[in-house]
Amino acid sequence: KRPFAIFYYIITHNIRITRELNNIQLEQGSADEEVGQDVVLRQQKLIADCDRFFVKNVSLLKSIDPASDIQLLSDGMLKQPHMLLSSHQEIYLEKMLVELKAMNNDLEILAEKLPRIMQL
């Protein structure tokens, strides 16, 4: 594996995450059918998981580049009730979570290997 491939992977994750956010936005409107509490709880968990991995990724970015000035929402800002997602939006959110997890893994690899890469 070439040492700079990890940067390509991270850029690719960013593109995919952006695509899923755009898909969620384009899928206007919320679910029309009557939904149970289990659906609401599942969606809230998905959103919380995405938020958790986003924060983890930003923390890793800060450790990789301490000079970066990345500001996050303060804790509790995401606690507002969310709009009920359509089934398509929920699928896009699940795909985004997969990308956030994969990005987290690649950022952990980058954080570990960056000093060696920079010496090349």
PDB file of N, CA and C in Angstrom:
ATOM      1  N   LYS A   1       0.844  -1.182   0.000  1.00  0.00           N
ATOM      2  CA  LYS A   1       0.000   0.000   0.000  1.00  0.00           C
ATOM      3  C   LYS A   1       0.887   1.242   0.000  1.00  0.00           C
ATOM      4  N   ARG A   2       0.575   2.166  -0.891  1.00  0.00           N
ATOM      5  CA  ARG A   2       1.336   3.410  -0.926  1.00  0.00           C
ATOM      6  C   ARG A   2       0.949   4.287   0.263  1.00  0.00           C
ATOM      7  N   PRO A   3       1.917   5.015   0.812  1.00  0.00           N
ATOM      8  CA  PRO A   3       1.634   5.771   2.034  1.00  0.00           C
ATOM      9  C   PRO A   3       0.616   6.888   1.860  1.00  0.00           C
ATOM     10  N   PHE A   4       0.448   7.389   0.649  1.00  0.00           N
ATOM     11  CA  PHE A   4      -0.467   8.513   0.476  1.00  0.00           C
ATOM     12  C   PHE A   4      -1.874   8.071   0.099  1.00  0.00           C
ATOM     13  N   ALA A   5      -2.096   6.778  -0.022  1.00  0.00           N
ATOM     14  CA  ALA A   5      -3.433   6.271  -0.348  1.00  0.00           C
ATOM     15  C   ALA A   5      -4.438   6.614   0.744  1.00  0.00           C
ATOM     16  N   ILE A   6      -3.993   6.678   1.987  1.00  0.00           N
ATOM     17  CA  ILE A   6      -4.894   6.972   3.105  1.00  0.00           C
ATOM     18  C   ILE A   6      -5.561   8.335   2.930  1.00  0.00           C
ATOM     19  N   PHE A   7      -4.830   9.301   2.344  1.00  0.00           N
ATOM     20  CA  PHE A   7      -5.417  10.626   2.101  1.00  0.00           C
ATOM     21  C   PHE A   7      -6.539  10.524   1.065  1.00  0.00           C
ATOM     22  N   TYR A   8      -6.325   9.721   0.046  1.00  0.00           N
ATOM     23  CA  TYR A   8      -7.358   9.494  -0.964  1.00  0.00           C
ATOM     24  C   TYR A   8      -8.597   8.871  -0.324  1.00  0.00           C
ATOM     25  N   TYR A   9      -8.395   7.894   0.550  1.00  0.00           N
ATOM     26  CA  TYR A   9      -9.532   7.234   1.204  1.00  0.00           C
ATOM     27  C   TYR A   9     -10.342   8.225   2.035  1.00  0.00           C
ATOM     28  N   ILE A  10      -9.658   9.094   2.743  1.00  0.00           N
ATOM     29  CA  ILE A  10     -10.352  10.072   3.591  1.00  0.00           C
ATOM     30  C   ILE A  10     -11.145  11.055   2.732  1.00  0.00           C
ATOM     31  N   ILE A  11     -10.556  11.497   1.624  1.00  0.00           N
ATOM     32  CA  ILE A  11     -11.278  12.391   0.707  1.00  0.00           C
ATOM     33  C   ILE A  11     -12.506  11.681   0.141  1.00  0.00           C
ATOM     34  N   THR A  12     -12.353  10.410  -0.213  1.00  0.00           N
ATOM     35  CA  THR A  12     -13.469   9.625  -0.738  1.00  0.00           C
ATOM     36  C   THR A  12     -14.584   9.497   0.293  1.00  0.00           C
ATOM     37  N   HIS A  13     -14.237   9.286   1.558  1.00  0.00           N
ATOM     38  CA  HIS A  13     -15.258   9.226   2.615  1.00  0.00           C
ATOM     39  C   HIS A  13     -16.005  10.552   2.700  1.00  0.00           C
ATOM     40  N   ASN A  14     -15.266  11.661   2.625  1.00  0.00           N
ATOM     41  CA  ASN A  14     -15.907  12.983   2.669  1.00  0.00           C
ATOM     42  C   ASN A  14     -16.906  13.158   1.535  1.00  0.00           C
ATOM     43  N   ILE A  15     -16.529  12.719   0.341  1.00  0.00           N
ATOM     44  CA  ILE A  15     -17.425  12.833  -0.811  1.00  0.00           C
ATOM     45  C   ILE A  15     -18.681  12.003  -0.590  1.00  0.00           C
ATOM     46  N   ARG A  16     -18.517  10.800  -0.100  1.00  0.00           N
ATOM     47  CA  ARG A  16     -19.671   9.924   0.129  1.00  0.00           C
ATOM     48  C   ARG A  16     -20.585  10.456   1.230  1.00  0.00           C
ATOM     49  N   ILE A  17     -19.992  10.989   2.285  1.00  0.00           N
ATOM     50  CA  ILE A  17     -20.798  11.575   3.366  1.00  0.00           C
ATOM     51  C   ILE A  17     -21.588  12.766   2.835  1.00  0.00           C
ATOM     52  N   THR A  18     -20.937  13.599   2.034  1.00  0.00           N
ATOM     53  CA  THR A  18     -21.621  14.747   1.430  1.00  0.00           C
ATOM     54  C   THR A  18     -22.766  14.284   0.540  1.00  0.00           C
ATOM     55  N   ARG A  19     -22.545  13.219  -0.225  1.00  0.00           N
ATOM     56  CA  ARG A  19     -23.599  12.685  -1.095  1.00  0.00           C
ATOM     57  C   ARG A  19     -24.803  12.246  -0.266  1.00  0.00           C
ATOM     58  N   GLU A  20     -24.564  11.556   0.836  1.00  0.00           N
ATOM     59  CA  GLU A  20     -25.681  11.090   1.660  1.00  0.00           C
ATOM     60  C   GLU A  20     -26.416  12.258   2.314  1.00  0.00           C
ATOM     61  N   LEU A  21     -25.680  13.275   2.750  1.00  0.00           N
ATOM     62  CA  LEU A  21     -26.339  14.470   3.297  1.00  0.00           C
ATOM     63  C   LEU A  21     -27.203  15.141   2.238  1.00  0.00           C
ATOM     64  N   ASN A  22     -26.684  15.237   1.009  1.00  0.00           N
ATOM     65  CA  ASN A  22     -27.477  15.816  -0.088  1.00  0.00           C
ATOM     66  C   ASN A  22     -28.718  14.973  -0.370  1.00  0.00           C
ATOM     67  N   ASN A  23     -28.571  13.652  -0.362  1.00  0.00           N
ATOM     68  CA  ASN A  23     -29.720  12.774  -0.596  1.00  0.00           C
ATOM     69  C   ASN A  23     -30.789  12.957   0.468  1.00  0.00           C
ATOM     70  N   ILE A  24     -30.371  13.086   1.720  1.00  0.00           N
ATOM     71  CA  ILE A  24     -31.333  13.306   2.807  1.00  0.00           C
ATOM     72  C   ILE A  24     -32.066  14.621   2.592  1.00  0.00           C
ATOM     73  N   GLN A  25     -31.315  15.652   2.200  1.00  0.00           N
ATOM     74  CA  GLN A  25     -31.910  16.967   1.972  1.00  0.00           C
ATOM     75  C   GLN A  25     -32.868  16.947   0.776  1.00  0.00           C
ATOM     76  N   LEU A  26     -32.483  16.249  -0.291  1.00  0.00           N
ATOM     77  CA  LEU A  26     -33.317  16.204  -1.493  1.00  0.00           C
ATOM     78  C   LEU A  26     -34.595  15.398  -1.294  1.00  0.00           C
ATOM     79  N   GLU A  27     -34.551  14.457  -0.392  1.00  0.00           N
ATOM     80  CA  GLU A  27     -35.724  13.628  -0.097  1.00  0.00           C
ATOM     81  C   GLU A  27     -36.611  14.441   0.835  1.00  0.00           C
ATOM     82  N   GLN A  28     -37.316  15.400   0.256  1.00  0.00           N
ATOM     83  CA  GLN A  28     -38.125  16.330   1.037  1.00  0.00           C
ATOM     84  C   GLN A  28     -39.280  15.622   1.733  1.00  0.00           C
ATOM     85  N   GLY A  29     -39.674  16.182   2.833  1.00  0.00           N
ATOM     86  CA  GLY A  29     -40.839  15.668   3.551  1.00  0.00           C
ATOM     87  C   GLY A  29     -40.477  14.522   4.472  1.00  0.00           C
ATOM     88  N   SER A  30     -41.301  14.327   5.431  1.00  0.00           N
ATOM     89  CA  SER A  30     -41.073  13.247   6.387  1.00  0.00           C
ATOM     90  C   SER A  30     -41.962  12.066   6.032  1.00  0.00           C
ATOM     91  N   ALA A  31     -41.874  11.054   6.827  1.00  0.00           N
ATOM     92  CA  ALA A  31     -42.656   9.837   6.584  1.00  0.00           C
ATOM     93  C   ALA A  31     -44.145  10.159   6.681  1.00  0.00           C
ATOM     94  N   ASP A  32     -44.900   9.654   5.720  1.00  0.00           N
ATOM     95  CA  ASP A  32     -46.333   9.929   5.696  1.00  0.00           C
ATOM     96  C   ASP A  32     -47.131   8.928   6.528  1.00  0.00           C
ATOM     97  N   GLU A  33     -46.635   7.713   6.582  1.00  0.00           N
ATOM     98  CA  GLU A  33     -47.381   6.679   7.287  1.00  0.00           C
ATOM     99  C   GLU A  33     -47.244   6.838   8.801  1.00  0.00           C
ATOM    100  N   GLU A  34     -48.173   6.250   9.493  1.00  0.00           N
ATOM    101  CA  GLU A  34     -48.135   6.254  10.953  1.00  0.00           C
ATOM    102  C   GLU A  34     -46.980   5.357  11.412  1.00  0.00           C
ATOM    103  N   VAL A  35     -46.155   5.867  12.286  1.00  0.00           N
ATOM    104  CA  VAL A  35     -44.994   5.090  12.729  1.00  0.00           C
ATOM    105  C   VAL A  35     -45.056   4.884  14.232  1.00  0.00           C
ATOM    106  N   GLY A  36     -44.436   3.799  14.646  1.00  0.00           N
ATOM    107  CA  GLY A  36     -44.421   3.468  16.061  1.00  0.00           C
ATOM    108  C   GLY A  36     -43.212   4.072  16.764  1.00  0.00           C
ATOM    109  N   GLN A  37     -43.224   3.933  18.048  1.00  0.00           N
ATOM    110  CA  GLN A  37     -42.141   4.444  18.892  1.00  0.00           C
ATOM    111  C   GLN A  37     -40.810   3.787  18.545  1.00  0.00           C
ATOM    112  N   ASP A  38     -40.837   2.518  18.107  1.00  0.00           N
ATOM    113  CA  ASP A  38     -39.596   1.822  17.762  1.00  0.00           C
ATOM    114  C   ASP A  38     -38.885   2.489  16.589  1.00  0.00           C
ATOM    115  N   VAL A  39     -39.656   2.994  15.612  1.00  0.00           N
ATOM    116  CA  VAL A  39     -39.061   3.690  14.466  1.00  0.00           C
ATOM    117  C   VAL A  39     -38.417   4.992  14.926  1.00  0.00           C
ATOM    118  N   VAL A  40     -39.111   5.727  15.758  1.00  0.00           N
ATOM    119  CA  VAL A  40     -38.578   6.999  16.272  1.00  0.00           C
ATOM    120  C   VAL A  40     -37.293   6.745  17.058  1.00  0.00           C
ATOM    121  N   LEU A  41     -37.301   5.741  17.911  1.00  0.00           N
ATOM    122  CA  LEU A  41     -36.108   5.426  18.705  1.00  0.00           C
ATOM    123  C   LEU A  41     -34.948   4.975  17.822  1.00  0.00           C
ATOM    124  N   ARG A  42     -35.244   4.175  16.795  1.00  0.00           N
ATOM    125  CA  ARG A  42     -34.200   3.719  15.879  1.00  0.00           C
ATOM    126  C   ARG A  42     -33.580   4.909  15.139  1.00  0.00           C
ATOM    127  N   GLN A  43     -34.417   5.836  14.690  1.00  0.00           N
ATOM    128  CA  GLN A  43     -33.903   7.011  13.991  1.00  0.00           C
ATOM    129  C   GLN A  43     -33.098   7.908  14.922  1.00  0.00           C
ATOM    130  N   GLN A  44     -33.564   8.079  16.135  1.00  0.00           N
ATOM    131  CA  GLN A  44     -32.812   8.888  17.099  1.00  0.00           C
ATOM    132  C   GLN A  44     -31.458   8.262  17.387  1.00  0.00           C
ATOM    133  N   LYS A  45     -31.407   6.937  17.479  1.00  0.00           N
ATOM    134  CA  LYS A  45     -30.135   6.247  17.710  1.00  0.00           C
ATOM    135  C   LYS A  45     -29.195   6.427  16.522  1.00  0.00           C
ATOM    136  N   LEU A  46     -29.736   6.328  15.308  1.00  0.00           N
ATOM    137  CA  LEU A  46     -28.916   6.532  14.109  1.00  0.00           C
ATOM    138  C   LEU A  46     -28.310   7.934  14.090  1.00  0.00           C
ATOM    139  N   ILE A  47     -29.128   8.915  14.390  1.00  0.00           N
ATOM    140  CA  ILE A  47     -28.660  10.304  14.406  1.00  0.00           C
ATOM    141  C   ILE A  47     -27.608  10.485  15.496  1.00  0.00           C
ATOM    142  N   ALA A  48     -27.846   9.924  16.671  1.00  0.00           N
ATOM    143  CA  ALA A  48     -26.876  10.036  17.770  1.00  0.00           C
ATOM    144  C   ALA A  48     -25.567   9.332  17.419  1.00  0.00           C
ATOM    145  N   ASP A  49     -25.651   8.169  16.748  1.00  0.00           N
ATOM    146  CA  ASP A  49     -24.439   7.455  16.338  1.00  0.00           C
ATOM    147  C   ASP A  49     -23.648   8.259  15.308  1.00  0.00           C
ATOM    148  N   CYS A  50     -24.354   8.853  14.344  1.00  0.00           N
ATOM    149  CA  CYS A  50     -23.681   9.705  13.355  1.00  0.00           C
ATOM    150  C   CYS A  50     -22.994  10.876  14.049  1.00  0.00           C
ATOM    151  N   ASP A  51     -23.688  11.494  14.980  1.00  0.00           N
ATOM    152  CA  ASP A  51     -23.116  12.621  15.719  1.00  0.00           C
ATOM    153  C   ASP A  51     -21.880  12.185  16.505  1.00  0.00           C
ATOM    154  N   ARG A  52     -21.965  11.032  17.147  1.00  0.00           N
ATOM    155  CA  ARG A  52     -20.837  10.532  17.948  1.00  0.00           C
ATOM    156  C   ARG A  52     -19.604  10.288  17.073  1.00  0.00           C
ATOM    157  N   PHE A  53     -19.798   9.649  15.919  1.00  0.00           N
ATOM    158  CA  PHE A  53     -18.654   9.391  15.039  1.00  0.00           C
ATOM    159  C   PHE A  53     -18.139  10.668  14.399  1.00  0.00           C
ATOM    160  N   PHE A  54     -19.032  11.620  14.129  1.00  0.00           N
ATOM    161  CA  PHE A  54     -18.576  12.907  13.601  1.00  0.00           C
ATOM    162  C   PHE A  54     -17.662  13.596  14.615  1.00  0.00           C
ATOM    163  N   VAL A  55     -18.082  13.608  15.870  1.00  0.00           N
ATOM    164  CA  VAL A  55     -17.271  14.234  16.929  1.00  0.00           C
ATOM    165  C   VAL A  55     -15.941  13.488  17.092  1.00  0.00           C
ATOM    166  N   LYS A  56     -15.979  12.151  17.037  1.00  0.00           N
ATOM    167  CA  LYS A  56     -14.737  11.371  17.126  1.00  0.00           C
ATOM    168  C   LYS A  56     -13.804  11.716  15.973  1.00  0.00           C
ATOM    169  N   ASN A  57     -14.362  11.858  14.769  1.00  0.00           N
ATOM    170  CA  ASN A  57     -13.539  12.188  13.611  1.00  0.00           C
ATOM    171  C   ASN A  57     -12.921  13.575  13.739  1.00  0.00           C
ATOM    172  N   VAL A  58     -13.694  14.530  14.205  1.00  0.00           N
ATOM    173  CA  VAL A  58     -13.162  15.879  14.391  1.00  0.00           C
ATOM    174  C   VAL A  58     -12.065  15.867  15.457  1.00  0.00           C
ATOM    175  N   SER A  59     -12.248  15.095  16.518  1.00  0.00           N
ATOM    176  CA  SER A  59     -11.218  14.993  17.560  1.00  0.00           C
ATOM    177  C   SER A  59      -9.933  14.408  16.992  1.00  0.00           C
ATOM    178  N   LEU A  60     -10.066  13.386  16.143  1.00  0.00           N
ATOM    179  CA  LEU A  60      -8.879  12.819  15.501  1.00  0.00           C
ATOM    180  C   LEU A  60      -8.210  13.835  14.583  1.00  0.00           C
ATOM    181  N   LEU A  61      -9.005  14.603  13.858  1.00  0.00           N
ATOM    182  CA  LEU A  61      -8.431  15.645  12.992  1.00  0.00           C
ATOM    183  C   LEU A  61      -7.653  16.665  13.809  1.00  0.00           C
ATOM    184  N   LYS A  62      -8.204  17.013  14.978  1.00  0.00           N
ATOM    185  CA  LYS A  62      -7.499  17.958  15.845  1.00  0.00           C
ATOM    186  C   LYS A  62      -6.190  17.372  16.360  1.00  0.00           C
ATOM    187  N   SER A  63      -6.151  16.075  16.615  1.00  0.00           N
ATOM    188  CA  SER A  63      -4.908  15.455  17.076  1.00  0.00           C
ATOM    189  C   SER A  63      -3.891  15.360  15.942  1.00  0.00           C
ATOM    190  N   ILE A  64      -4.370  15.195  14.707  1.00  0.00           N
ATOM    191  CA  ILE A  64      -3.483  15.136  13.551  1.00  0.00           C
ATOM    192  C   ILE A  64      -2.932  16.522  13.243  1.00  0.00           C
ATOM    193  N   ASP A  65      -3.793  17.538  13.346  1.00  0.00           N
ATOM    194  CA  ASP A  65      -3.381  18.915  13.066  1.00  0.00           C
ATOM    195  C   ASP A  65      -3.801  19.804  14.233  1.00  0.00           C
ATOM    196  N   PRO A  66      -2.953  19.893  15.265  1.00  0.00           N
ATOM    197  CA  PRO A  66      -3.315  20.679  16.451  1.00  0.00           C
ATOM    198  C   PRO A  66      -3.545  22.163  16.160  1.00  0.00           C
ATOM    199  N   ALA A  67      -3.021  22.662  15.050  1.00  0.00           N
ATOM    200  CA  ALA A  67      -3.197  24.074  14.718  1.00  0.00           C
ATOM    201  C   ALA A  67      -4.573  24.362  14.127  1.00  0.00           C
ATOM    202  N   SER A  68      -5.329  23.324  13.806  1.00  0.00           N
ATOM    203  CA  SER A  68      -6.646  23.540  13.207  1.00  0.00           C
ATOM    204  C   SER A  68      -7.596  24.167  14.225  1.00  0.00           C
ATOM    205  N   ASP A  69      -8.493  24.990  13.702  1.00  0.00           N
ATOM    206  CA  ASP A  69      -9.451  25.680  14.563  1.00  0.00           C
ATOM    207  C   ASP A  69     -10.856  25.221  14.189  1.00  0.00           C
ATOM    208  N   ILE A  70     -11.181  23.989  14.546  1.00  0.00           N
ATOM    209  CA  ILE A  70     -12.474  23.411  14.220  1.00  0.00           C
ATOM    210  C   ILE A  70     -13.381  23.579  15.430  1.00  0.00           C
ATOM    211  N   GLN A  71     -14.518  24.201  15.199  1.00  0.00           N
ATOM    212  CA  GLN A  71     -15.473  24.435  16.280  1.00  0.00           C
ATOM    213  C   GLN A  71     -16.660  23.482  16.135  1.00  0.00           C
ATOM    214  N   LEU A  72     -17.047  22.844  17.210  1.00  0.00           N
ATOM    215  CA  LEU A  72     -18.211  21.965  17.229  1.00  0.00           C
ATOM    216  C   LEU A  72     -19.327  22.604  18.032  1.00  0.00           C
ATOM    217  N   LEU A  73     -20.532  22.111  17.802  1.00  0.00           N
ATOM    218  CA  LEU A  73     -21.641  22.542  18.647  1.00  0.00           C
ATOM    219  C   LEU A  73     -21.353  22.104  20.071  1.00  0.00           C
ATOM    220  N   SER A  74     -21.765  22.907  21.011  1.00  0.00           N
ATOM    221  CA  SER A  74     -21.558  22.513  22.394  1.00  0.00           C
ATOM    222  C   SER A  74     -22.473  21.348  22.727  1.00  0.00           C
ATOM    223  N   ASP A  75     -22.099  20.597  23.702  1.00  0.00           N
ATOM    224  CA  ASP A  75     -22.854  19.409  24.091  1.00  0.00           C
ATOM    225  C   ASP A  75     -24.291  19.786  24.415  1.00  0.00           C
ATOM    226  N   GLY A  76     -25.221  19.016  23.905  1.00  0.00           N
ATOM    227  CA  GLY A  76     -26.617  19.272  24.174  1.00  0.00           C
ATOM    228  C   GLY A  76     -27.339  20.005  23.063  1.00  0.00           C
ATOM    229  N   MET A  77     -26.600  20.543  22.098  1.00  0.00           N
ATOM    230  CA  MET A  77     -27.230  21.275  21.009  1.00  0.00           C
ATOM    231  C   MET A  77     -28.027  20.345  20.095  1.00  0.00           C
ATOM    232  N   LEU A  78     -27.649  19.073  20.027  1.00  0.00           N
ATOM    233  CA  LEU A  78     -28.321  18.125  19.150  1.00  0.00           C
ATOM    234  C   LEU A  78     -29.525  17.478  19.833  1.00  0.00           C
ATOM    235  N   LYS A  79     -29.807  17.820  21.044  1.00  0.00           N
ATOM    236  CA  LYS A  79     -30.864  17.161  21.804  1.00  0.00           C
ATOM    237  C   LYS A  79     -32.270  17.582  21.380  1.00  0.00           C
ATOM    238  N   GLN A  80     -32.359  18.493  20.424  1.00  0.00           N
ATOM    239  CA  GLN A  80     -33.671  18.917  19.962  1.00  0.00           C
ATOM    240  C   GLN A  80     -34.375  17.749  19.279  1.00  0.00           C
ATOM    241  N   PRO A  81     -35.691  17.681  19.357  1.00  0.00           N
ATOM    242  CA  PRO A  81     -36.392  16.598  18.669  1.00  0.00           C
ATOM    243  C   PRO A  81     -36.173  16.723  17.167  1.00  0.00           C
ATOM    244  N   HIS A  82     -36.025  15.602  16.529  1.00  0.00           N
ATOM    245  CA  HIS A  82     -35.777  15.636  15.098  1.00  0.00           C
ATOM    246  C   HIS A  82     -37.051  15.351  14.314  1.00  0.00           C
ATOM    247  N   MET A  83     -37.030  15.787  13.064  1.00  0.00           N
ATOM    248  CA  MET A  83     -38.134  15.513  12.165  1.00  0.00           C
ATOM    249  C   MET A  83     -38.105  14.024  11.820  1.00  0.00           C
ATOM    250  N   LEU A  84     -39.244  13.410  11.741  1.00  0.00           N
ATOM    251  CA  LEU A  84     -39.309  12.003  11.392  1.00  0.00           C
ATOM    252  C   LEU A  84     -38.805  11.823   9.963  1.00  0.00           C
ATOM    253  N   LEU A  85     -37.912  10.878   9.763  1.00  0.00           N
ATOM    254  CA  LEU A  85     -37.306  10.646   8.454  1.00  0.00           C
ATOM    255  C   LEU A  85     -38.142   9.660   7.648  1.00  0.00           C
ATOM    256  N   SER A  86     -38.114   9.836   6.337  1.00  0.00           N
ATOM    257  CA  SER A  86     -38.750   8.851   5.467  1.00  0.00           C
ATOM    258  C   SER A  86     -37.865   7.606   5.439  1.00  0.00           C
ATOM    259  N   SER A  87     -38.381   6.529   4.878  1.00  0.00           N
ATOM    260  CA  SER A  87     -37.580   5.300   4.816  1.00  0.00           C
ATOM    261  C   SER A  87     -36.336   5.507   3.959  1.00  0.00           C
ATOM    262  N   HIS A  88     -36.443   6.307   2.888  1.00  0.00           N
ATOM    263  CA  HIS A  88     -35.280   6.588   2.051  1.00  0.00           C
ATOM    264  C   HIS A  88     -34.240   7.405   2.815  1.00  0.00           C
ATOM    265  N   GLN A  89     -34.698   8.401   3.546  1.00  0.00           N
ATOM    266  CA  GLN A  89     -33.777   9.216   4.334  1.00  0.00           C
ATOM    267  C   GLN A  89     -33.065   8.374   5.382  1.00  0.00           C
ATOM    268  N   GLU A  90     -33.780   7.444   5.963  1.00  0.00           N
ATOM    269  CA  GLU A  90     -33.174   6.571   6.971  1.00  0.00           C
ATOM    270  C   GLU A  90     -32.087   5.696   6.348  1.00  0.00           C
ATOM    271  N   ILE A  91     -32.303   5.226   5.135  1.00  0.00           N
ATOM    272  CA  ILE A  91     -31.290   4.439   4.422  1.00  0.00           C
ATOM    273  C   ILE A  91     -30.059   5.295   4.153  1.00  0.00           C
ATOM    274  N   TYR A  92     -30.276   6.537   3.720  1.00  0.00           N
ATOM    275  CA  TYR A  92     -29.145   7.436   3.474  1.00  0.00           C
ATOM    276  C   TYR A  92     -28.367   7.693   4.766  1.00  0.00           C
ATOM    277  N   LEU A  93     -29.084   7.820   5.868  1.00  0.00           N
ATOM    278  CA  LEU A  93     -28.441   8.035   7.160  1.00  0.00           C
ATOM    279  C   LEU A  93     -27.613   6.819   7.567  1.00  0.00           C
ATOM    280  N   GLU A  94     -28.143   5.628   7.307  1.00  0.00           N
ATOM    281  CA  GLU A  94     -27.384   4.403   7.593  1.00  0.00           C
ATOM    282  C   GLU A  94     -26.110   4.337   6.758  1.00  0.00           C
ATOM    283  N   LYS A  95     -26.201   4.714   5.476  1.00  0.00           N
ATOM    284  CA  LYS A  95     -25.015   4.743   4.613  1.00  0.00           C
ATOM    285  C   LYS A  95     -23.999   5.757   5.124  1.00  0.00           C
ATOM    286  N   MET A  96     -24.494   6.895   5.587  1.00  0.00           N
ATOM    287  CA  MET A  96     -23.599   7.917   6.123  1.00  0.00           C
ATOM    288  C   MET A  96     -22.888   7.412   7.366  1.00  0.00           C
ATOM    289  N   LEU A  97     -23.583   6.673   8.216  1.00  0.00           N
ATOM    290  CA  LEU A  97     -22.963   6.121   9.413  1.00  0.00           C
ATOM    291  C   LEU A  97     -21.851   5.143   9.040  1.00  0.00           C
ATOM    292  N   VAL A  98     -22.076   4.333   8.020  1.00  0.00           N
ATOM    293  CA  VAL A  98     -21.037   3.411   7.551  1.00  0.00           C
ATOM    294  C   VAL A  98     -19.798   4.191   7.124  1.00  0.00           C
ATOM    295  N   GLU A  99     -20.004   5.280   6.379  1.00  0.00           N
ATOM    296  CA  GLU A  99     -18.875   6.098   5.918  1.00  0.00           C
ATOM    297  C   GLU A  99     -18.168   6.792   7.083  1.00  0.00           C
ATOM    298  N   LEU A 100     -18.929   7.279   8.048  1.00  0.00           N
ATOM    299  CA  LEU A 100     -18.316   7.928   9.207  1.00  0.00           C
ATOM    300  C   LEU A 100     -17.457   6.942   9.994  1.00  0.00           C
ATOM    301  N   LYS A 101     -17.938   5.707  10.129  1.00  0.00           N
ATOM    302  CA  LYS A 101     -17.157   4.679  10.834  1.00  0.00           C
ATOM    303  C   LYS A 101     -15.895   4.333  10.056  1.00  0.00           C
ATOM    304  N   ALA A 102     -16.017   4.188   8.733  1.00  0.00           N
ATOM    305  CA  ALA A 102     -14.851   3.870   7.911  1.00  0.00           C
ATOM    306  C   ALA A 102     -13.847   5.022   7.936  1.00  0.00           C
ATOM    307  N   MET A 103     -14.361   6.242   7.916  1.00  0.00           N
ATOM    308  CA  MET A 103     -13.483   7.407   7.988  1.00  0.00           C
ATOM    309  C   MET A 103     -12.761   7.446   9.333  1.00  0.00           C
ATOM    310  N   ASN A 104     -13.475   7.106  10.390  1.00  0.00           N
ATOM    311  CA  ASN A 104     -12.863   7.069  11.708  1.00  0.00           C
ATOM    312  C   ASN A 104     -11.708   6.080  11.737  1.00  0.00           C
ATOM    313  N   ASN A 105     -11.914   4.931  11.162  1.00  0.00           N
ATOM    314  CA  ASN A 105     -10.865   3.919  11.095  1.00  0.00           C
ATOM    315  C   ASN A 105      -9.650   4.448  10.321  1.00  0.00           C
ATOM    316  N   ASP A 106      -9.898   5.072   9.176  1.00  0.00           N
ATOM    317  CA  ASP A 106      -8.790   5.610   8.380  1.00  0.00           C
ATOM    318  C   ASP A 106      -8.090   6.775   9.073  1.00  0.00           C
ATOM    319  N   LEU A 107      -8.840   7.601   9.781  1.00  0.00           N
ATOM    320  CA  LEU A 107      -8.208   8.695  10.524  1.00  0.00           C
ATOM    321  C   LEU A 107      -7.345   8.166  11.664  1.00  0.00           C
ATOM    322  N   GLU A 108      -7.779   7.078  12.296  1.00  0.00           N
ATOM    323  CA  GLU A 108      -6.951   6.466  13.341  1.00  0.00           C
ATOM    324  C   GLU A 108      -5.644   5.939  12.744  1.00  0.00           C
ATOM    325  N   ILE A 109      -5.729   5.326  11.567  1.00  0.00           N
ATOM    326  CA  ILE A 109      -4.518   4.852  10.876  1.00  0.00           C
ATOM    327  C   ILE A 109      -3.618   6.024  10.526  1.00  0.00           C
ATOM    328  N   LEU A 110      -4.219   7.097  10.004  1.00  0.00           N
ATOM    329  CA  LEU A 110      -3.435   8.277   9.632  1.00  0.00           C
ATOM    330  C   LEU A 110      -2.768   8.890  10.855  1.00  0.00           C
ATOM    331  N   ALA A 111      -3.493   9.009  11.952  1.00  0.00           N
ATOM    332  CA  ALA A 111      -2.918   9.594  13.167  1.00  0.00           C
ATOM    333  C   ALA A 111      -1.721   8.779  13.643  1.00  0.00           C
ATOM    334  N   GLU A 112      -1.807   7.470  13.478  1.00  0.00           N
ATOM    335  CA  GLU A 112      -0.716   6.597  13.907  1.00  0.00           C
ATOM    336  C   GLU A 112       0.482   6.677  12.959  1.00  0.00           C
ATOM    337  N   LYS A 113       0.216   6.766  11.658  1.00  0.00           N
ATOM    338  CA  LYS A 113       1.291   6.685  10.670  1.00  0.00           C
ATOM    339  C   LYS A 113       1.778   8.032  10.138  1.00  0.00           C
ATOM    340  N   LEU A 114       1.124   9.117  10.491  1.00  0.00           N
ATOM    341  CA  LEU A 114       1.481  10.417   9.929  1.00  0.00           C
ATOM    342  C   LEU A 114       2.932  10.806  10.159  1.00  0.00           C
ATOM    343  N   PRO A 115       3.481  10.634  11.360  1.00  0.00           N
ATOM    344  CA  PRO A 115       4.888  11.030  11.534  1.00  0.00           C
ATOM    345  C   PRO A 115       5.819  10.312  10.557  1.00  0.00           C
ATOM    346  N   ARG A 116       5.559   9.039  10.312  1.00  0.00           N
ATOM    347  CA  ARG A 116       6.393   8.287   9.385  1.00  0.00           C
ATOM    348  C   ARG A 116       6.165   8.721   7.941  1.00  0.00           C
ATOM    349  N   ILE A 117       4.908   9.007   7.589  1.00  0.00           N
ATOM    350  CA  ILE A 117       4.588   9.458   6.230  1.00  0.00           C
ATOM    351  C   ILE A 117       5.275  10.782   5.943  1.00  0.00           C
ATOM    352  N   MET A 118       5.264  11.681   6.909  1.00  0.00           N
ATOM    353  CA  MET A 118       5.843  13.009   6.714  1.00  0.00           C
ATOM    354  C   MET A 118       7.358  12.966   6.527  1.00  0.00           C
ATOM    355  N   GLN A 119       7.995  11.881   6.924  1.00  0.00           N
ATOM    356  CA  GLN A 119       9.434  11.754   6.746  1.00  0.00           C
ATOM    357  C   GLN A 119       9.805  11.286   5.354  1.00  0.00           C
ATOM    358  N   LEU A 120       8.834  10.820   4.565  1.00  0.00           N
ATOM    359  CA  LEU A 120       9.122  10.334   3.206  1.00  0.00           C
ATOM    360  C   LEU A 120       9.490  11.443   2.268  1.00  0.00           C
TER     361      LEU A 120
END
